[in-house]
């Protein structure tokens, strides 16, 4: 997979790159519920009339 990722990200035509505004979720130390919660927090922050996060 690592070789494929390097090949895909360095190819001359249409290299695969994350979007400039992409958020990276390292869920190595998170449970599934914690990872989902983080994604939902990020999503909520992007809503037009989002309320500030509590805590």
C-alpha atoms as a PDB file:
ATOM      1  CA  UNK A   1       0.000   0.000   0.000  1.00  0.00           C
ATOM      2  CA  UNK A   2       2.820   2.414   0.802  1.00  0.00           C
ATOM      3  CA  UNK A   3       4.394   1.852  -2.636  1.00  0.00           C
ATOM      4  CA  UNK A   4       1.017   2.433  -4.282  1.00  0.00           C
ATOM      5  CA  UNK A   5       0.468   5.636  -2.282  1.00  0.00           C
ATOM      6  CA  UNK A   6       3.894   6.977  -3.275  1.00  0.00           C
ATOM      7  CA  UNK A   7       3.293   6.079  -6.910  1.00  0.00           C
ATOM      8  CA  UNK A   8      -0.153   7.701  -6.909  1.00  0.00           C
ATOM      9  CA  UNK A   9       0.978  10.899  -5.177  1.00  0.00           C
ATOM     10  CA  UNK A  10       4.054  11.459  -7.352  1.00  0.00           C
ATOM     11  CA  UNK A  11       2.727  10.623 -10.809  1.00  0.00           C
ATOM     12  CA  UNK A  12       2.995  13.371 -13.439  1.00  0.00           C
ATOM     13  CA  UNK A  13      -0.667  13.351 -14.469  1.00  0.00           C
ATOM     14  CA  UNK A  14      -3.297  14.033 -11.807  1.00  0.00           C
ATOM     15  CA  UNK A  15      -1.285  13.111  -8.713  1.00  0.00           C
ATOM     16  CA  UNK A  16      -3.456  12.206  -5.755  1.00  0.00           C
ATOM     17  CA  UNK A  17      -3.074  14.882  -3.087  1.00  0.00           C
ATOM     18  CA  UNK A  18      -5.260  15.809  -0.130  1.00  0.00           C
ATOM     19  CA  UNK A  19      -7.336  18.946  -0.551  1.00  0.00           C
ATOM     20  CA  UNK A  20      -5.722  22.131   0.777  1.00  0.00           C
ATOM     21  CA  UNK A  21      -8.356  22.380   3.490  1.00  0.00           C
ATOM     22  CA  UNK A  22      -8.326  18.663   4.365  1.00  0.00           C
ATOM     23  CA  UNK A  23      -8.250  17.705   8.016  1.00  0.00           C
ATOM     24  CA  UNK A  24      -6.131  14.696   8.919  1.00  0.00           C
ATOM     25  CA  UNK A  25      -7.666  12.269  11.371  1.00  0.00           C
ATOM     26  CA  UNK A  26      -5.074  10.049  13.044  1.00  0.00           C
ATOM     27  CA  UNK A  27      -7.289   7.550  14.770  1.00  0.00           C
ATOM     28  CA  UNK A  28      -4.432   5.317  15.926  1.00  0.00           C
ATOM     29  CA  UNK A  29      -5.240   5.986  19.567  1.00  0.00           C
ATOM     30  CA  UNK A  30      -8.977   6.659  19.225  1.00  0.00           C
ATOM     31  CA  UNK A  31     -11.931   4.356  19.582  1.00  0.00           C
ATOM     32  CA  UNK A  32     -14.478   4.261  16.775  1.00  0.00           C
ATOM     33  CA  UNK A  33     -16.802   6.449  18.847  1.00  0.00           C
ATOM     34  CA  UNK A  34     -14.020   8.983  19.511  1.00  0.00           C
ATOM     35  CA  UNK A  35     -13.108   9.139  15.818  1.00  0.00           C
ATOM     36  CA  UNK A  36     -16.746   9.659  14.843  1.00  0.00           C
ATOM     37  CA  UNK A  37     -17.099  12.382  17.487  1.00  0.00           C
ATOM     38  CA  UNK A  38     -14.040  14.217  16.129  1.00  0.00           C
ATOM     39  CA  UNK A  39     -15.414  14.134  12.590  1.00  0.00           C
ATOM     40  CA  UNK A  40     -18.770  15.419  13.812  1.00  0.00           C
ATOM     41  CA  UNK A  41     -17.066  18.280  15.688  1.00  0.00           C
ATOM     42  CA  UNK A  42     -15.178  19.271  12.542  1.00  0.00           C
ATOM     43  CA  UNK A  43     -18.356  19.049  10.465  1.00  0.00           C
ATOM     44  CA  UNK A  44     -20.325  21.149  12.951  1.00  0.00           C
ATOM     45  CA  UNK A  45     -17.649  23.875  12.877  1.00  0.00           C
ATOM     46  CA  UNK A  46     -18.086  24.185   9.114  1.00  0.00           C
ATOM     47  CA  UNK A  47     -21.826  24.839   9.305  1.00  0.00           C
ATOM     48  CA  UNK A  48     -22.797  28.425   8.436  1.00  0.00           C
ATOM     49  CA  UNK A  49     -24.395  29.218  11.793  1.00  0.00           C
ATOM     50  CA  UNK A  50     -22.375  26.899  14.022  1.00  0.00           C
ATOM     51  CA  UNK A  51     -22.438  27.480  17.742  1.00  0.00           C
ATOM     52  CA  UNK A  52     -19.037  27.652  19.499  1.00  0.00           C
ATOM     53  CA  UNK A  53     -17.958  24.299  20.923  1.00  0.00           C
ATOM     54  CA  UNK A  54     -18.523  23.824  24.631  1.00  0.00           C
ATOM     55  CA  UNK A  55     -15.460  22.635  26.565  1.00  0.00           C
END
